[in-house]
Amino acid sequence: MSSNASATEPTTKPAKSKKMLIIGGVLLLLLVVAGGAAAFFMSQRHGPEDGEASAASKAPLSAPTFLPLENMVVNLTDPSGDRFLQLGITLELADEKTASDVKKYLPSVRSGILVLVSQRTSSELLTLAGKEKLAVDIQREVARPLGFRVPAAGEARSARSPEDEDTAPRRANPVRRVLFSSFIIQ
């Protein structure tokens, strides 16, 4: 028996070591493939950002300038007539020069905003779509004295009158966004 046990021992040890070698090789191969796949996906993820960085270096973006306006209280056109809106607005502008220009026209801008808001109902302004439409309308009202025309939401190009069409190339609107800092309906 002992000769039989010693005869099987050498044959099982090489068989076990071959299996371990094969398993180790497969694991190593899987690690290499997984590492290569991870490197590929990471390079793909960073690829567009590098392209954006080169585009950004060609046209440097300036930091926006924020211009907070004084809070406004406006009566709304609800059927009961008892509703009003306290509105706080901050304008995101392209640069300091635009902020200076808006300040020159501030009485006209505030008046235009008050007229815009006073034509709304509370039910209209309580929806997200109503707030977004109001922000676009306010953006248009602020841009108008600066010489920029922002088309109304859904306004078709053919619906514009010929005198609205300017022959000068279109410039980017320096009023980037209208941000609501306060929006209370009572």
N, C-alpha and C. Protein backbone atom coordinates (compact mmCIF):
# COMPACT_ATOMS: atom_id res chain seq x y z
N MET A 1 0.77 -1.19 0.00
CA MET A 1 0.00 0.00 0.00
C MET A 1 0.81 1.25 0.00
N SER A 2 1.88 1.18 0.75
CA SER A 2 2.70 2.37 0.78
C SER A 2 3.36 2.62 -0.56
N SER A 3 3.67 1.58 -1.27
CA SER A 3 4.23 1.78 -2.60
C SER A 3 3.18 2.34 -3.54
N ASN A 4 1.95 1.94 -3.35
CA ASN A 4 0.84 2.44 -4.15
C ASN A 4 0.59 3.91 -3.84
N ALA A 5 0.68 4.32 -2.59
CA ALA A 5 0.47 5.71 -2.18
C ALA A 5 1.59 6.59 -2.69
N SER A 6 2.82 6.05 -2.65
CA SER A 6 3.93 6.85 -3.15
C SER A 6 3.88 6.98 -4.66
N ALA A 7 3.29 6.01 -5.32
CA ALA A 7 3.17 6.07 -6.78
C ALA A 7 2.13 7.10 -7.20
N THR A 8 1.09 7.25 -6.45
CA THR A 8 0.04 8.22 -6.81
C THR A 8 0.42 9.62 -6.38
N GLU A 9 1.22 9.77 -5.38
CA GLU A 9 1.62 11.09 -4.92
C GLU A 9 2.34 11.89 -5.99
N PRO A 10 3.34 11.33 -6.64
CA PRO A 10 4.02 12.12 -7.65
C PRO A 10 3.11 12.45 -8.82
N THR A 11 2.20 11.59 -9.16
CA THR A 11 1.32 11.89 -10.30
C THR A 11 0.27 12.93 -9.93
N THR A 12 -0.19 12.99 -8.70
CA THR A 12 -1.19 13.98 -8.30
C THR A 12 -0.56 15.35 -8.10
N LYS A 13 0.63 15.41 -7.62
CA LYS A 13 1.28 16.70 -7.42
C LYS A 13 1.51 17.42 -8.74
N PRO A 14 2.06 16.74 -9.76
CA PRO A 14 2.20 17.45 -11.03
C PRO A 14 0.85 17.82 -11.64
N ALA A 15 -0.17 17.00 -11.46
CA ALA A 15 -1.48 17.31 -12.01
C ALA A 15 -2.07 18.53 -11.30
N LYS A 16 -1.90 18.60 -9.99
CA LYS A 16 -2.40 19.74 -9.23
C LYS A 16 -1.64 21.00 -9.60
N SER A 17 -0.35 20.91 -9.77
CA SER A 17 0.43 22.09 -10.12
C SER A 17 0.11 22.56 -11.54
N LYS A 18 -0.21 21.63 -12.45
CA LYS A 18 -0.62 22.04 -13.80
C LYS A 18 -1.95 22.77 -13.76
N LYS A 19 -2.87 22.25 -12.95
CA LYS A 19 -4.18 22.91 -12.83
C LYS A 19 -4.01 24.31 -12.24
N MET A 20 -3.20 24.44 -11.22
CA MET A 20 -2.97 25.73 -10.59
C MET A 20 -2.30 26.69 -11.56
N LEU A 21 -1.39 26.18 -12.37
CA LEU A 21 -0.71 27.00 -13.36
C LEU A 21 -1.70 27.49 -14.42
N ILE A 22 -2.58 26.63 -14.85
CA ILE A 22 -3.58 27.00 -15.86
C ILE A 22 -4.55 28.02 -15.28
N ILE A 23 -5.02 27.78 -14.06
CA ILE A 23 -5.95 28.71 -13.41
C ILE A 23 -5.28 30.06 -13.21
N GLY A 24 -4.03 30.06 -12.77
CA GLY A 24 -3.30 31.32 -12.59
C GLY A 24 -3.12 32.05 -13.91
N GLY A 25 -2.84 31.32 -14.97
CA GLY A 25 -2.68 31.93 -16.29
C GLY A 25 -3.98 32.55 -16.78
N VAL A 26 -5.09 31.84 -16.58
CA VAL A 26 -6.40 32.36 -16.98
C VAL A 26 -6.74 33.62 -16.20
N LEU A 27 -6.49 33.59 -14.88
CA LEU A 27 -6.75 34.77 -14.05
C LEU A 27 -5.89 35.95 -14.49
N LEU A 28 -4.64 35.69 -14.78
CA LEU A 28 -3.75 36.75 -15.24
C LEU A 28 -4.24 37.34 -16.57
N LEU A 29 -4.67 36.46 -17.46
CA LEU A 29 -5.20 36.91 -18.75
C LEU A 29 -6.45 37.76 -18.56
N LEU A 30 -7.35 37.33 -17.66
CA LEU A 30 -8.55 38.10 -17.38
C LEU A 30 -8.22 39.48 -16.81
N LEU A 31 -7.23 39.54 -15.92
CA LEU A 31 -6.82 40.82 -15.35
C LEU A 31 -6.26 41.76 -16.43
N VAL A 32 -5.47 41.20 -17.33
CA VAL A 32 -4.90 42.02 -18.41
C VAL A 32 -6.00 42.55 -19.32
N VAL A 33 -6.96 41.69 -19.68
CA VAL A 33 -8.07 42.11 -20.55
C VAL A 33 -8.92 43.16 -19.84
N ALA A 34 -9.23 42.95 -18.56
CA ALA A 34 -10.03 43.91 -17.80
C ALA A 34 -9.30 45.25 -17.69
N GLY A 35 -8.00 45.20 -17.45
CA GLY A 35 -7.22 46.44 -17.37
C GLY A 35 -7.20 47.18 -18.69
N GLY A 36 -7.04 46.42 -19.78
CA GLY A 36 -7.06 47.05 -21.11
C GLY A 36 -8.41 47.68 -21.42
N ALA A 37 -9.50 46.99 -21.06
CA ALA A 37 -10.84 47.52 -21.30
C ALA A 37 -11.06 48.78 -20.46
N ALA A 38 -10.63 48.76 -19.21
CA ALA A 38 -10.79 49.92 -18.35
C ALA A 38 -10.00 51.11 -18.90
N ALA A 39 -8.79 50.87 -19.36
CA ALA A 39 -7.98 51.95 -19.93
C ALA A 39 -8.64 52.51 -21.19
N PHE A 40 -9.21 51.63 -22.01
CA PHE A 40 -9.89 52.07 -23.24
C PHE A 40 -11.08 52.96 -22.90
N PHE A 41 -11.93 52.51 -21.95
CA PHE A 41 -13.11 53.30 -21.59
C PHE A 41 -12.74 54.62 -20.92
N MET A 42 -11.70 54.61 -20.13
CA MET A 42 -11.26 55.86 -19.49
C MET A 42 -10.73 56.84 -20.53
N SER A 43 -10.02 56.35 -21.53
CA SER A 43 -9.51 57.26 -22.57
C SER A 43 -10.65 57.79 -23.42
N GLN A 44 -11.70 56.99 -23.64
CA GLN A 44 -12.86 57.45 -24.39
C GLN A 44 -13.63 58.51 -23.61
N ARG A 45 -13.69 58.36 -22.32
CA ARG A 45 -14.41 59.32 -21.49
C ARG A 45 -13.69 60.67 -21.47
N HIS A 46 -12.38 60.66 -21.47
CA HIS A 46 -11.62 61.90 -21.42
C HIS A 46 -11.36 62.48 -22.80
N GLY A 47 -11.64 61.74 -23.84
CA GLY A 47 -11.40 62.21 -25.21
C GLY A 47 -12.16 63.48 -25.55
N PRO A 48 -13.51 63.53 -25.40
CA PRO A 48 -14.25 64.73 -25.76
C PRO A 48 -13.88 65.93 -24.91
N GLU A 49 -13.52 65.68 -23.64
CA GLU A 49 -13.14 66.79 -22.80
C GLU A 49 -11.86 67.45 -23.32
N ASP A 50 -10.95 66.64 -23.84
CA ASP A 50 -9.74 67.22 -24.41
C ASP A 50 -10.08 68.07 -25.61
N GLY A 51 -11.03 67.61 -26.44
CA GLY A 51 -11.47 68.39 -27.59
C GLY A 51 -12.15 69.68 -27.14
N GLU A 52 -12.94 69.58 -26.07
CA GLU A 52 -13.58 70.78 -25.54
C GLU A 52 -12.53 71.74 -24.99
N ALA A 53 -11.49 71.20 -24.38
CA ALA A 53 -10.45 72.05 -23.83
C ALA A 53 -9.73 72.80 -24.94
N SER A 54 -9.49 72.12 -26.07
CA SER A 54 -8.82 72.82 -27.16
C SER A 54 -9.75 73.86 -27.77
N ALA A 55 -11.06 73.57 -27.83
CA ALA A 55 -12.02 74.56 -28.32
C ALA A 55 -12.11 75.72 -27.35
N ALA A 56 -12.05 75.42 -26.05
CA ALA A 56 -12.12 76.47 -25.05
C ALA A 56 -10.87 77.35 -25.10
N SER A 57 -9.73 76.77 -25.44
CA SER A 57 -8.52 77.58 -25.51
C SER A 57 -8.56 78.51 -26.71
N LYS A 58 -9.30 78.12 -27.75
CA LYS A 58 -9.42 78.99 -28.92
C LYS A 58 -10.31 80.19 -28.62
N ALA A 59 -11.42 79.97 -27.91
CA ALA A 59 -12.34 81.04 -27.56
C ALA A 59 -12.52 81.05 -26.05
N PRO A 60 -11.71 81.85 -25.35
CA PRO A 60 -11.79 81.85 -23.90
C PRO A 60 -13.15 82.38 -23.43
N LEU A 61 -13.77 81.64 -22.50
CA LEU A 61 -15.04 82.06 -21.95
C LEU A 61 -14.79 82.93 -20.73
N SER A 62 -15.54 84.01 -20.65
CA SER A 62 -15.40 84.86 -19.48
C SER A 62 -16.39 84.40 -18.43
N ALA A 63 -16.05 84.64 -17.22
CA ALA A 63 -16.95 84.29 -16.12
C ALA A 63 -18.18 85.18 -16.20
N PRO A 64 -19.34 84.63 -15.91
CA PRO A 64 -20.55 85.45 -15.99
C PRO A 64 -20.58 86.48 -14.87
N THR A 65 -21.34 87.51 -15.11
CA THR A 65 -21.56 88.54 -14.11
C THR A 65 -23.02 88.43 -13.68
N PHE A 66 -23.25 88.48 -12.39
CA PHE A 66 -24.60 88.38 -11.87
C PHE A 66 -25.05 89.76 -11.39
N LEU A 67 -26.24 90.15 -11.82
CA LEU A 67 -26.80 91.44 -11.44
C LEU A 67 -28.14 91.21 -10.75
N PRO A 68 -28.16 91.30 -9.41
CA PRO A 68 -29.44 91.13 -8.72
C PRO A 68 -30.28 92.40 -8.84
N LEU A 69 -31.57 92.22 -9.09
CA LEU A 69 -32.50 93.34 -9.15
C LEU A 69 -33.25 93.39 -7.82
N GLU A 70 -33.77 94.56 -7.48
CA GLU A 70 -34.55 94.68 -6.26
C GLU A 70 -35.81 93.83 -6.39
N ASN A 71 -36.27 93.30 -5.25
CA ASN A 71 -37.50 92.52 -5.26
C ASN A 71 -38.66 93.38 -5.74
N MET A 72 -39.60 92.73 -6.43
CA MET A 72 -40.77 93.42 -6.95
C MET A 72 -42.02 92.73 -6.41
N VAL A 73 -43.06 93.50 -6.17
CA VAL A 73 -44.35 92.96 -5.78
C VAL A 73 -45.33 93.38 -6.86
N VAL A 74 -46.03 92.37 -7.43
CA VAL A 74 -46.87 92.61 -8.59
C VAL A 74 -48.24 91.98 -8.36
N ASN A 75 -49.31 92.72 -8.68
CA ASN A 75 -50.67 92.15 -8.67
C ASN A 75 -50.81 91.26 -9.88
N LEU A 76 -51.40 90.08 -9.68
CA LEU A 76 -51.62 89.15 -10.78
C LEU A 76 -53.04 89.31 -11.32
N THR A 77 -53.29 88.80 -12.52
CA THR A 77 -54.60 88.97 -13.16
C THR A 77 -55.52 87.79 -12.85
N ASP A 78 -55.57 87.39 -11.60
CA ASP A 78 -56.49 86.32 -11.21
C ASP A 78 -57.92 86.85 -11.23
N PRO A 79 -58.89 85.99 -11.49
CA PRO A 79 -60.29 86.43 -11.52
C PRO A 79 -60.74 87.09 -10.22
N SER A 80 -60.24 86.60 -9.10
CA SER A 80 -60.63 87.20 -7.81
C SER A 80 -59.88 88.51 -7.57
N GLY A 81 -58.75 88.70 -8.20
CA GLY A 81 -57.98 89.94 -8.09
C GLY A 81 -57.23 90.09 -6.79
N ASP A 82 -57.19 89.04 -5.97
CA ASP A 82 -56.57 89.14 -4.65
C ASP A 82 -55.20 88.50 -4.58
N ARG A 83 -54.63 88.12 -5.68
CA ARG A 83 -53.35 87.42 -5.68
C ARG A 83 -52.23 88.36 -6.13
N PHE A 84 -51.07 88.21 -5.50
CA PHE A 84 -49.91 88.97 -5.94
C PHE A 84 -48.67 88.10 -5.85
N LEU A 85 -47.62 88.56 -6.51
CA LEU A 85 -46.37 87.83 -6.59
C LEU A 85 -45.24 88.71 -6.08
N GLN A 86 -44.47 88.16 -5.16
CA GLN A 86 -43.22 88.81 -4.75
C GLN A 86 -42.13 88.12 -5.53
N LEU A 87 -41.41 88.87 -6.34
CA LEU A 87 -40.46 88.30 -7.29
C LEU A 87 -39.07 88.89 -7.07
N GLY A 88 -38.09 88.02 -6.90
CA GLY A 88 -36.70 88.42 -6.84
C GLY A 88 -35.98 87.84 -8.05
N ILE A 89 -35.27 88.68 -8.78
CA ILE A 89 -34.62 88.26 -10.02
C ILE A 89 -33.14 88.59 -9.95
N THR A 90 -32.32 87.66 -10.42
CA THR A 90 -30.90 87.90 -10.63
C THR A 90 -30.62 87.58 -12.09
N LEU A 91 -29.98 88.50 -12.78
CA LEU A 91 -29.66 88.31 -14.19
C LEU A 91 -28.24 87.77 -14.32
N GLU A 92 -28.08 86.75 -15.14
CA GLU A 92 -26.74 86.25 -15.47
C GLU A 92 -26.36 86.89 -16.79
N LEU A 93 -25.33 87.73 -16.75
CA LEU A 93 -24.92 88.50 -17.91
C LEU A 93 -23.53 88.06 -18.38
N ALA A 94 -23.22 88.38 -19.62
CA ALA A 94 -21.97 87.93 -20.22
C ALA A 94 -20.74 88.57 -19.56
N ASP A 95 -20.83 89.85 -19.19
CA ASP A 95 -19.66 90.53 -18.65
C ASP A 95 -20.08 91.80 -17.89
N GLU A 96 -19.09 92.48 -17.34
CA GLU A 96 -19.34 93.71 -16.58
C GLU A 96 -19.89 94.83 -17.46
N LYS A 97 -19.44 94.91 -18.70
CA LYS A 97 -19.94 95.94 -19.60
C LYS A 97 -21.44 95.80 -19.81
N THR A 98 -21.91 94.57 -19.96
CA THR A 98 -23.35 94.33 -20.12
C THR A 98 -24.09 94.72 -18.85
N ALA A 99 -23.51 94.43 -17.69
CA ALA A 99 -24.13 94.82 -16.43
C ALA A 99 -24.25 96.34 -16.35
N SER A 100 -23.22 97.03 -16.79
CA SER A 100 -23.25 98.50 -16.80
C SER A 100 -24.33 99.01 -17.75
N ASP A 101 -24.46 98.36 -18.91
CA ASP A 101 -25.49 98.76 -19.88
C ASP A 101 -26.89 98.51 -19.33
N VAL A 102 -27.09 97.37 -18.69
CA VAL A 102 -28.41 97.06 -18.12
C VAL A 102 -28.76 98.07 -17.03
N LYS A 103 -27.77 98.47 -16.22
CA LYS A 103 -28.03 99.45 -15.16
C LYS A 103 -28.49 100.79 -15.75
N LYS A 104 -27.98 101.14 -16.93
CA LYS A 104 -28.41 102.39 -17.57
C LYS A 104 -29.89 102.35 -17.92
N TYR A 105 -30.37 101.18 -18.30
CA TYR A 105 -31.77 101.02 -18.72
C TYR A 105 -32.64 100.41 -17.62
N LEU A 106 -32.17 100.37 -16.40
CA LEU A 106 -32.86 99.65 -15.34
C LEU A 106 -34.30 100.12 -15.10
N PRO A 107 -34.60 101.42 -15.09
CA PRO A 107 -36.02 101.81 -14.91
C PRO A 107 -36.92 101.24 -16.01
N SER A 108 -36.46 101.27 -17.24
CA SER A 108 -37.22 100.71 -18.36
C SER A 108 -37.35 99.20 -18.23
N VAL A 109 -36.29 98.54 -17.84
CA VAL A 109 -36.28 97.08 -17.69
C VAL A 109 -37.25 96.67 -16.58
N ARG A 110 -37.18 97.34 -15.42
CA ARG A 110 -38.09 97.00 -14.31
C ARG A 110 -39.54 97.22 -14.70
N SER A 111 -39.81 98.31 -15.39
CA SER A 111 -41.18 98.59 -15.82
C SER A 111 -41.67 97.50 -16.76
N GLY A 112 -40.85 97.10 -17.71
CA GLY A 112 -41.22 96.04 -18.65
C GLY A 112 -41.49 94.72 -17.94
N ILE A 113 -40.67 94.41 -16.93
CA ILE A 113 -40.85 93.17 -16.17
C ILE A 113 -42.16 93.23 -15.39
N LEU A 114 -42.44 94.38 -14.76
CA LEU A 114 -43.68 94.51 -14.01
C LEU A 114 -44.91 94.34 -14.90
N VAL A 115 -44.86 94.91 -16.10
CA VAL A 115 -45.97 94.76 -17.04
C VAL A 115 -46.12 93.30 -17.46
N LEU A 116 -45.00 92.63 -17.74
CA LEU A 116 -45.04 91.21 -18.12
C LEU A 116 -45.68 90.35 -17.04
N VAL A 117 -45.23 90.54 -15.82
CA VAL A 117 -45.70 89.70 -14.72
C VAL A 117 -47.15 90.00 -14.39
N SER A 118 -47.55 91.25 -14.49
CA SER A 118 -48.93 91.61 -14.13
C SER A 118 -49.95 91.02 -15.09
N GLN A 119 -49.52 90.52 -16.23
CA GLN A 119 -50.43 89.90 -17.20
C GLN A 119 -50.62 88.41 -16.94
N ARG A 120 -49.96 87.86 -15.94
CA ARG A 120 -50.02 86.42 -15.66
C ARG A 120 -51.01 86.13 -14.54
N THR A 121 -51.45 84.88 -14.50
CA THR A 121 -52.30 84.41 -13.41
C THR A 121 -51.47 83.55 -12.47
N SER A 122 -51.96 83.41 -11.26
CA SER A 122 -51.21 82.60 -10.29
C SER A 122 -51.16 81.14 -10.73
N SER A 123 -52.24 80.63 -11.31
CA SER A 123 -52.23 79.22 -11.75
C SER A 123 -51.20 79.01 -12.86
N GLU A 124 -51.02 80.00 -13.70
CA GLU A 124 -50.02 79.90 -14.77
C GLU A 124 -48.61 79.90 -14.19
N LEU A 125 -48.37 80.73 -13.19
CA LEU A 125 -47.03 80.87 -12.63
C LEU A 125 -46.67 79.76 -11.64
N LEU A 126 -47.66 79.00 -11.21
CA LEU A 126 -47.37 77.90 -10.29
C LEU A 126 -46.78 76.69 -11.00
N THR A 127 -46.89 76.63 -12.31
CA THR A 127 -46.34 75.50 -13.06
C THR A 127 -44.90 75.78 -13.46
N LEU A 128 -44.14 74.72 -13.67
CA LEU A 128 -42.76 74.87 -14.12
C LEU A 128 -42.71 75.53 -15.49
N ALA A 129 -43.60 75.12 -16.38
CA ALA A 129 -43.63 75.69 -17.73
C ALA A 129 -43.94 77.19 -17.66
N GLY A 130 -44.82 77.59 -16.76
CA GLY A 130 -45.14 79.02 -16.61
C GLY A 130 -43.95 79.82 -16.13
N LYS A 131 -43.19 79.26 -15.20
CA LYS A 131 -41.99 79.95 -14.70
C LYS A 131 -40.92 80.06 -15.80
N GLU A 132 -40.75 78.96 -16.56
CA GLU A 132 -39.76 78.98 -17.64
C GLU A 132 -40.14 79.99 -18.72
N LYS A 133 -41.42 80.07 -19.06
CA LYS A 133 -41.88 81.03 -20.07
C LYS A 133 -41.68 82.45 -19.56
N LEU A 134 -41.96 82.67 -18.28
CA LEU A 134 -41.73 84.00 -17.70
C LEU A 134 -40.25 84.37 -17.76
N ALA A 135 -39.37 83.43 -17.47
CA ALA A 135 -37.92 83.70 -17.52
C ALA A 135 -37.50 84.08 -18.94
N VAL A 136 -38.03 83.39 -19.95
CA VAL A 136 -37.69 83.72 -21.34
C VAL A 136 -38.22 85.10 -21.70
N ASP A 137 -39.43 85.40 -21.26
CA ASP A 137 -40.02 86.72 -21.54
C ASP A 137 -39.22 87.84 -20.86
N ILE A 138 -38.78 87.59 -19.65
CA ILE A 138 -37.96 88.58 -18.94
C ILE A 138 -36.62 88.75 -19.63
N GLN A 139 -36.03 87.66 -20.09
CA GLN A 139 -34.77 87.73 -20.82
C GLN A 139 -34.93 88.60 -22.07
N ARG A 140 -36.04 88.42 -22.77
CA ARG A 140 -36.31 89.21 -23.97
C ARG A 140 -36.48 90.69 -23.59
N GLU A 141 -37.17 90.95 -22.50
CA GLU A 141 -37.42 92.33 -22.07
C GLU A 141 -36.12 93.03 -21.67
N VAL A 142 -35.21 92.30 -21.03
CA VAL A 142 -33.92 92.89 -20.63
C VAL A 142 -33.04 93.12 -21.84
N ALA A 143 -33.08 92.20 -22.81
CA ALA A 143 -32.21 92.30 -23.99
C ALA A 143 -32.67 93.38 -24.97
N ARG A 144 -33.95 93.69 -24.97
CA ARG A 144 -34.50 94.65 -25.95
C ARG A 144 -33.78 96.02 -25.92
N PRO A 145 -33.62 96.67 -24.77
CA PRO A 145 -32.94 97.98 -24.80
C PRO A 145 -31.46 97.89 -25.16
N LEU A 146 -30.88 96.69 -25.04
CA LEU A 146 -29.47 96.50 -25.38
C LEU A 146 -29.27 96.27 -26.88
N GLY A 147 -30.38 96.20 -27.63
CA GLY A 147 -30.29 96.02 -29.07
C GLY A 147 -30.33 94.58 -29.52
N PHE A 148 -30.76 93.67 -28.66
CA PHE A 148 -30.85 92.26 -29.01
C PHE A 148 -32.31 91.87 -29.08
N ARG A 149 -32.60 91.00 -30.03
CA ARG A 149 -33.97 90.52 -30.18
C ARG A 149 -33.99 89.03 -29.89
N VAL A 150 -34.73 88.65 -28.87
CA VAL A 150 -34.88 87.25 -28.51
C VAL A 150 -36.26 86.83 -29.00
N PRO A 151 -36.36 85.86 -29.92
CA PRO A 151 -37.67 85.45 -30.40
C PRO A 151 -38.51 84.83 -29.28
N ALA A 152 -39.81 85.06 -29.35
CA ALA A 152 -40.72 84.49 -28.37
C ALA A 152 -40.72 82.97 -28.51
N ALA A 153 -41.06 82.29 -27.46
CA ALA A 153 -41.11 80.84 -27.51
C ALA A 153 -42.11 80.41 -28.56
N GLY A 154 -41.67 79.57 -29.49
CA GLY A 154 -42.55 79.07 -30.53
C GLY A 154 -42.76 80.04 -31.68
N GLU A 155 -42.10 81.18 -31.66
CA GLU A 155 -42.27 82.15 -32.74
C GLU A 155 -41.55 81.65 -33.99
N ALA A 156 -42.26 81.54 -35.06
CA ALA A 156 -41.68 81.05 -36.31
C ALA A 156 -40.99 82.20 -37.03
N ARG A 157 -39.99 81.84 -37.80
CA ARG A 157 -39.24 82.85 -38.55
C ARG A 157 -40.14 83.56 -39.55
N SER A 158 -41.08 82.84 -40.15
CA SER A 158 -41.96 83.45 -41.15
C SER A 158 -42.97 84.39 -40.50
N ALA A 159 -43.23 84.26 -39.19
CA ALA A 159 -44.20 85.11 -38.52
C ALA A 159 -43.63 86.49 -38.23
N ARG A 160 -42.35 86.67 -38.36
CA ARG A 160 -41.73 87.97 -38.09
C ARG A 160 -41.98 88.92 -39.25
N SER A 161 -42.10 90.16 -38.88
CA SER A 161 -42.27 91.16 -39.94
C SER A 161 -40.92 91.47 -40.56
N PRO A 162 -40.91 91.97 -41.81
CA PRO A 162 -39.63 92.26 -42.46
C PRO A 162 -38.79 93.28 -41.72
N GLU A 163 -39.41 94.21 -41.02
CA GLU A 163 -38.60 95.21 -40.31
C GLU A 163 -37.92 94.62 -39.08
N ASP A 164 -38.43 93.46 -38.59
CA ASP A 164 -37.77 92.80 -37.47
C ASP A 164 -36.46 92.14 -37.91
N GLU A 165 -36.38 91.80 -39.17
CA GLU A 165 -35.18 91.14 -39.67
C GLU A 165 -34.05 92.16 -39.82
N ASP A 166 -32.98 91.92 -39.15
CA ASP A 166 -31.83 92.81 -39.30
C ASP A 166 -30.84 92.17 -40.26
N THR A 167 -30.15 93.01 -40.99
CA THR A 167 -29.20 92.50 -41.97
C THR A 167 -27.84 92.23 -41.34
N ALA A 168 -27.60 92.78 -40.14
CA ALA A 168 -26.33 92.55 -39.46
C ALA A 168 -26.28 91.11 -38.96
N PRO A 169 -25.09 90.55 -38.86
CA PRO A 169 -25.00 89.18 -38.34
C PRO A 169 -25.51 89.13 -36.91
N ARG A 170 -26.15 88.05 -36.56
CA ARG A 170 -26.69 87.90 -35.21
C ARG A 170 -25.56 87.74 -34.20
N ARG A 171 -25.69 88.47 -33.11
CA ARG A 171 -24.73 88.36 -32.02
C ARG A 171 -25.37 87.57 -30.89
N ALA A 172 -24.56 86.96 -30.09
CA ALA A 172 -25.08 86.20 -28.95
C ALA A 172 -25.67 87.16 -27.93
N ASN A 173 -26.81 86.79 -27.39
CA ASN A 173 -27.47 87.61 -26.39
C ASN A 173 -26.60 87.66 -25.13
N PRO A 174 -26.24 88.85 -24.65
CA PRO A 174 -25.41 88.93 -23.45
C PRO A 174 -26.19 88.63 -22.18
N VAL A 175 -27.52 88.57 -22.26
CA VAL A 175 -28.33 88.18 -21.10
C VAL A 175 -28.46 86.66 -21.19
N ARG A 176 -27.61 85.98 -20.45
CA ARG A 176 -27.54 84.52 -20.58
C ARG A 176 -28.73 83.81 -19.96
N ARG A 177 -29.08 84.20 -18.74
CA ARG A 177 -30.19 83.54 -18.05
C ARG A 177 -30.86 84.50 -17.09
N VAL A 178 -32.11 84.17 -16.76
CA VAL A 178 -32.85 84.88 -15.72
C VAL A 178 -33.02 83.89 -14.59
N LEU A 179 -32.52 84.24 -13.42
CA LEU A 179 -32.59 83.36 -12.27
C LEU A 179 -33.55 83.96 -11.24
N PHE A 180 -34.43 83.15 -10.70
CA PHE A 180 -35.36 83.62 -9.69
C PHE A 180 -34.76 83.39 -8.32
N SER A 181 -34.56 84.46 -7.56
CA SER A 181 -34.02 84.32 -6.21
C SER A 181 -35.14 84.32 -5.19
N SER A 182 -36.32 84.78 -5.59
CA SER A 182 -37.50 84.76 -4.73
C SER A 182 -38.72 84.65 -5.63
N PHE A 183 -39.68 83.80 -5.24
CA PHE A 183 -40.86 83.61 -6.07
C PHE A 183 -41.99 83.19 -5.14
N ILE A 184 -42.71 84.17 -4.60
CA ILE A 184 -43.75 83.90 -3.60
C ILE A 184 -45.07 84.43 -4.12
N ILE A 185 -46.03 83.53 -4.26
CA ILE A 185 -47.38 83.92 -4.68
C ILE A 185 -48.30 83.86 -3.47
N GLN A 186 -49.01 84.96 -3.24
CA GLN A 186 -49.96 85.01 -2.11
C GLN A 186 -51.30 85.50 -2.58
